[in-house]
Protein backbone atom coordinates (compact mmCIF):
# COMPACT_ATOMS: atom_id res chain seq x y z
CA MET A 1 84.35 56.38 94.96
CA LYS A 2 83.79 59.39 92.71
CA THR A 3 85.64 60.41 89.57
CA ILE A 4 86.80 63.91 88.71
CA ILE A 5 83.80 64.44 86.46
CA ASP A 6 81.48 63.24 89.25
CA TRP A 7 82.90 65.94 91.55
CA GLN A 8 82.58 68.55 88.80
CA ARG A 9 78.91 67.68 88.32
CA GLN A 10 78.17 67.57 92.03
CA GLY A 11 79.96 70.84 92.71
CA ARG A 12 78.21 72.68 89.91
CA LYS A 13 74.86 71.34 91.02
CA LEU A 14 75.51 72.57 94.57
CA ILE A 15 76.52 76.03 93.44
CA ASN A 16 73.58 76.34 91.07
CA SER A 17 70.97 75.17 93.58
CA ASP A 18 72.22 76.09 97.07
CA ARG A 19 73.74 79.54 96.99
CA HIS A 20 73.90 81.35 100.30
CA HIS A 21 71.60 84.38 100.55
CA PHE A 22 74.54 86.81 100.83
CA PHE A 23 76.68 85.06 98.26
CA PRO A 24 75.26 85.21 94.72
CA GLU A 25 78.73 85.53 93.18
CA ALA A 26 79.70 81.83 93.08
CA ILE A 27 80.02 80.45 89.56
CA PRO A 28 80.36 76.87 88.32
CA ARG A 29 83.83 77.58 86.93
CA GLU A 30 85.07 77.86 90.49
CA VAL A 31 84.50 74.14 90.98
CA ASP A 32 87.32 73.56 88.51
CA TYR A 33 89.58 75.94 90.45
CA ILE A 34 88.89 73.98 93.64
CA LEU A 35 89.52 70.62 91.96
CA SER A 36 92.63 71.95 90.25
CA GLY A 37 94.06 73.32 93.48
CA ILE A 38 93.34 70.26 95.61
CA LEU A 39 94.30 67.63 93.01
CA GLY A 40 97.30 69.54 91.65
CA LEU A 41 96.05 69.32 88.07
CA SER A 42 95.65 71.96 85.38
CA PHE A 43 92.24 72.55 83.80
CA THR A 44 93.41 70.60 80.75
CA GLU A 45 94.52 67.71 82.95
CA LEU A 46 91.14 67.71 84.70
CA TYR A 47 89.51 67.27 81.31
CA LEU A 48 91.93 64.60 80.10
CA ASN A 49 91.61 62.67 83.38
CA SER A 50 87.90 63.18 83.93
CA GLU A 51 87.27 59.47 84.61
CA LYS A 52 90.09 59.21 87.17
CA ILE A 53 88.98 58.09 90.63
CA VAL A 54 89.44 60.67 93.41
CA ASP A 55 90.59 59.00 96.64
CA GLU A 56 88.57 59.45 99.83
CA GLU A 57 90.98 61.89 101.49
CA LYS A 58 90.98 64.22 98.49
CA GLY A 59 87.22 63.79 98.24
CA ARG A 60 86.81 65.04 101.81
CA GLU A 61 89.01 68.04 101.00
CA ILE A 62 86.93 68.85 97.93
CA SER A 63 83.67 68.51 99.86
CA ALA A 64 84.95 70.78 102.65
CA ALA A 65 86.19 73.35 100.13
CA LEU A 66 82.83 73.44 98.34
CA GLY A 67 81.09 73.95 101.68
CA LYS A 68 83.37 76.87 102.53
CA ARG A 69 82.80 78.46 99.13
CA LEU A 70 79.04 78.16 99.45
CA SER A 71 79.23 79.86 102.85
CA GLY A 72 80.89 82.82 101.12
CA MET A 73 84.58 82.27 101.89
CA PRO A 74 86.69 83.72 99.06
CA LEU A 75 88.17 81.12 96.74
CA GLN A 76 91.65 82.52 97.33
CA TYR A 77 91.44 81.77 101.06
CA ILE A 78 90.21 78.24 100.38
CA LEU A 79 93.08 77.48 98.00
CA GLY A 80 95.60 79.57 99.92
CA GLU A 81 97.09 81.17 96.83
CA ILE A 82 96.50 83.77 94.14
CA GLU A 83 98.47 84.73 91.05
CA PHE A 84 99.53 88.37 90.86
CA PHE A 85 101.80 89.82 88.18
CA SER A 86 102.46 86.22 87.03
CA LEU A 87 103.78 85.28 90.48
CA PRO A 88 102.20 82.94 93.08
CA PHE A 89 101.27 84.63 96.37
CA HIS A 90 100.13 82.86 99.51
CA VAL A 91 97.06 84.39 101.17
CA LYS A 92 94.92 83.35 104.11
CA PRO A 93 92.02 84.75 106.17
CA GLY A 94 93.00 88.02 107.80
CA VAL A 95 95.13 89.10 104.83
CA PHE A 96 93.83 91.34 102.04
CA ILE A 97 93.43 89.51 98.71
CA PRO A 98 95.34 91.23 95.86
CA ARG A 99 93.16 92.42 92.97
CA PRO A 100 94.08 92.14 89.27
CA GLU A 101 93.64 95.89 88.75
CA THR A 102 96.48 96.56 91.19
CA GLU A 103 98.87 95.02 88.66
CA LEU A 104 98.54 98.35 86.84
CA LEU A 105 100.12 100.06 89.86
CA VAL A 106 103.12 97.74 89.55
CA GLU A 107 103.34 98.39 85.81
CA HIS A 108 103.52 102.14 86.40
CA ALA A 109 106.14 101.65 89.12
CA LEU A 110 108.32 99.73 86.66
CA THR A 111 108.15 102.62 84.18
CA LYS A 112 109.88 104.78 86.78
CA ASN A 113 113.04 102.89 85.79
CA SER A 114 113.39 105.59 83.16
CA ASP A 115 114.29 108.00 85.97
CA ARG A 116 116.92 105.79 87.54
CA HIS A 117 119.77 107.96 86.25
CA HIS A 118 118.75 110.54 88.88
CA PHE A 119 119.53 108.13 91.73
CA SER A 120 122.63 106.10 92.52
CA ALA A 121 120.84 103.45 94.62
CA PRO A 122 117.07 103.47 94.04
CA THR A 123 115.04 102.56 97.11
CA ILE A 124 111.26 102.08 97.24
CA LEU A 125 108.74 102.22 100.07
CA ASP A 126 105.52 100.20 99.85
CA LEU A 127 102.86 101.25 102.37
CA CYS A 128 100.01 98.93 103.41
CA THR A 129 101.84 96.00 101.84
CA GLY A 130 99.41 93.24 102.84
CA SER A 131 100.66 89.98 101.33
CA GLY A 132 103.65 91.84 99.88
CA ASN A 133 102.36 91.48 96.34
CA ILE A 134 103.31 94.99 95.17
CA ALA A 135 106.74 95.13 96.79
CA LEU A 136 107.73 91.62 95.75
CA SER A 137 106.47 92.04 92.18
CA ILE A 138 108.59 95.17 91.80
CA ALA A 139 111.59 93.48 93.40
CA LYS A 140 111.26 90.52 91.04
CA ASN A 141 111.46 92.83 88.04
CA THR A 142 114.09 95.36 89.20
CA SER A 143 117.31 95.50 91.17
CA TYR A 144 115.80 97.97 93.65
CA ASN A 145 115.85 97.55 97.42
CA ILE A 146 112.37 97.82 98.89
CA ILE A 147 110.98 98.50 102.35
CA ALA A 148 107.36 97.57 103.04
CA THR A 149 105.22 98.44 106.05
CA ASP A 150 101.90 97.22 107.38
CA ILE A 151 100.12 97.53 110.70
CA SER A 152 98.96 93.91 110.58
CA LYS A 153 101.18 91.21 112.07
CA PRO A 154 99.34 88.39 110.23
CA SER A 155 99.80 90.19 106.91
CA LEU A 156 103.52 90.72 107.48
CA LYS A 157 103.97 87.06 108.42
CA VAL A 158 102.42 86.06 105.09
CA ALA A 159 104.43 88.72 103.22
CA ARG A 160 107.70 87.40 104.66
CA GLU A 161 106.70 83.86 103.70
CA ASN A 162 106.03 85.06 100.15
CA ALA A 163 109.43 86.77 100.04
CA ILE A 164 111.13 83.52 101.00
CA ARG A 165 109.14 81.52 98.45
CA LEU A 166 110.10 83.98 95.70
CA GLY A 167 113.75 84.19 96.75
CA LEU A 168 113.50 87.90 97.57
CA SER A 169 113.92 88.03 101.35
CA ASP A 170 117.32 89.72 101.01
CA ARG A 171 115.90 92.56 98.89
CA VAL A 172 112.63 93.39 100.65
CA GLU A 173 112.51 94.41 104.32
CA PHE A 174 109.11 94.18 106.04
CA LEU A 175 108.44 96.45 109.03
CA GLN A 176 105.40 96.51 111.27
CA GLY A 177 103.66 99.76 111.97
CA ASP A 178 101.09 102.28 110.83
CA LEU A 179 102.20 103.74 107.47
CA PHE A 180 105.48 105.68 108.10
CA GLU A 181 105.59 104.99 111.84
CA PRO A 182 108.34 102.32 111.69
CA LEU A 183 110.63 104.78 109.88
CA LYS A 184 110.23 107.82 112.11
CA ASN A 185 113.07 106.85 114.46
CA GLY A 186 115.48 107.21 111.53
CA ASP A 187 116.52 103.55 111.58
CA CYS A 188 115.85 102.62 107.97
CA PRO A 189 117.27 99.53 106.24
CA PHE A 190 119.27 100.01 103.04
CA VAL A 191 119.67 103.80 103.42
CA ASP A 192 121.24 106.28 105.82
CA CYS A 193 119.99 109.72 104.75
CA PRO A 194 116.94 111.67 105.95
CA LYS A 195 115.32 111.73 102.51
CA PHE A 196 115.01 108.00 102.04
CA PHE A 197 112.98 107.03 99.00
CA ASN A 198 112.98 107.53 95.25
CA LEU A 199 109.50 106.04 94.97
CA ILE A 200 106.73 105.67 97.55
CA ILE A 201 103.89 103.41 96.45
CA SER A 202 100.65 102.33 98.09
CA ASN A 203 97.28 100.74 97.57
CA PRO A 204 95.73 102.00 100.82
CA PRO A 205 92.23 101.32 102.17
CA TYR A 206 89.74 103.57 100.39
CA ILE A 207 86.25 102.06 100.79
CA THR A 208 83.77 104.70 102.02
CA SER A 209 81.00 104.17 104.58
CA ARG A 210 78.38 104.14 101.83
CA GLU A 211 80.37 101.69 99.69
CA TRP A 212 80.93 99.40 102.68
CA GLU A 213 77.23 98.66 102.99
CA SER A 214 76.99 97.50 99.37
CA LEU A 215 80.12 95.31 99.29
CA PRO A 216 79.67 91.65 98.31
CA GLY A 217 79.33 89.35 101.31
CA GLU A 218 82.55 87.51 100.52
CA VAL A 219 84.45 90.80 100.88
CA LYS A 220 82.56 92.41 103.77
CA TYR A 221 82.37 89.33 105.97
CA TYR A 222 85.70 87.68 105.22
CA GLU A 223 88.41 90.17 104.28
CA PRO A 224 90.02 92.35 106.99
CA HIS A 225 88.07 95.55 107.64
CA GLU A 226 91.26 97.54 108.34
CA ALA A 227 92.60 96.71 104.87
CA LEU A 228 89.48 98.03 103.14
CA PHE A 229 87.83 100.88 105.06
CA GLY A 230 89.24 104.32 104.36
CA GLY A 231 86.97 106.40 106.57
CA GLU A 232 83.65 108.12 105.97
CA ASP A 233 84.77 109.59 102.64
CA GLY A 234 87.50 107.05 101.85
CA LEU A 235 90.23 109.68 102.13
CA ASP A 236 91.72 109.09 105.60
CA PHE A 237 94.83 107.27 104.43
CA TYR A 238 95.45 109.55 101.44
CA LYS A 239 95.53 112.61 103.70
CA ARG A 240 98.11 111.01 105.97
CA ILE A 241 100.24 109.62 103.13
CA SER A 242 100.22 112.91 101.22
CA TYR A 243 101.33 114.89 104.28
CA ASP A 244 104.00 112.51 105.62
CA ALA A 245 105.45 111.27 102.35
CA ARG A 246 107.02 114.69 101.79
CA LYS A 247 109.36 114.03 104.73
CA PHE A 248 110.62 110.74 103.31
CA ILE A 249 110.86 111.20 99.56
CA LYS A 250 113.92 112.42 97.70
CA ALA A 251 113.76 115.48 95.47
CA ARG A 252 112.16 114.56 92.14
CA GLY A 253 110.95 111.29 93.65
CA HIS A 254 107.55 109.82 92.76
CA LEU A 255 104.49 109.05 94.85
CA LEU A 256 102.31 106.43 93.19
CA LEU A 257 98.86 105.54 94.56
CA GLU A 258 95.95 103.35 93.65
CA VAL A 259 92.82 105.41 94.23
CA GLY A 260 89.08 105.25 94.59
CA PRO A 261 88.02 108.92 94.64
CA ALA A 262 90.72 110.14 92.24
CA ARG A 263 89.76 113.82 91.92
CA ALA A 264 89.49 114.27 95.67
CA VAL A 265 92.90 112.62 96.18
CA ALA A 266 94.42 114.86 93.51
CA SER A 267 93.08 117.91 95.36
CA ILE A 268 94.67 116.73 98.63
CA LEU A 269 98.01 116.20 96.92
CA LYS A 270 97.92 119.63 95.30
CA GLN A 271 97.18 121.31 98.64
CA ASP A 272 100.18 119.55 100.18
CA GLY A 273 102.52 120.86 97.50
CA TRP A 274 102.84 117.83 95.22
CA GLU A 275 103.43 118.60 91.56
CA ASP A 276 103.18 116.88 88.19
CA ILE A 277 99.95 115.21 89.34
CA LYS A 278 98.60 112.72 86.81
CA ILE A 279 95.50 110.53 86.97
CA MET A 280 95.66 107.34 84.93
CA LYS A 281 92.81 105.03 83.98
CA ASP A 282 92.59 101.26 84.20
CA TYR A 283 91.53 98.93 81.39
CA ASN A 284 87.87 99.57 82.23
CA ASN A 285 88.40 103.32 81.71
CA ARG A 286 88.07 104.06 85.44
CA ASP A 287 90.40 106.43 87.26
CA ARG A 288 92.74 104.05 89.04
CA ILE A 289 96.28 105.41 89.56
CA ILE A 290 97.67 108.79 90.64
CA SER A 291 101.30 109.71 90.08
CA CYS A 292 102.92 112.86 91.43
CA ARG A 293 106.33 114.26 92.40
CA PHE A 294 107.75 116.43 95.15
CA PHE A 295 110.43 118.93 94.14
């Protein structure tokens, strides 16, 4: 029978000596994440209980998890959960893993509260919702009603589960379809007018063909291709969103996008008649968010 510290030592030794050829990203700290998730202990509790015996069943789970991590499977899939905007989100293979930098998109969406006096019943649309992390984070911090769409059935199943776990299933409606497609028949929850939304928000796929080849193995071989690849130049989804969003946004409403090629996206938006276009940087001083309005 092994103790917690025995598993920590064994796991770190494995990661240091037996990394897969396409997976150089594993770090010893991740052993503690695996132990914490499986044993239900905080990092501090792992340290305070380092001599505690781990039973055989938990030991098998830890061993299997280490094997999956060494093969390249993302830690979030192994543990089944990730924290985003201080909220726990369930994720699993086939569902895009939320990134910390996307929290900035939510932060900017929450600042749009300052414009709420323009609208009697603010309603938001989240495109390419994935696990629902953007929509549900906004819903948790506002009184807004939110509609979220995604083409992926597995992603929407997980998103609905997250809504139930967070107590938000009555405020966020998840619809399956490609971008605006579920809304084009005019049957839209929460609203009954042709210009539906005060805010349209999205973190769409924007990886280019060239970038795809250089992605880490744990991303390229495990996360869903359709949630990452944005076409040869990474602009396919931005072109479609920019064009169609004009039909669904209210006057003076905002379009808020996470971007890869920011200047190119700004050019597309300008050509389609969007105004007040602003590019905002993330905490690493990289262009990350575009905000614009349609008057």
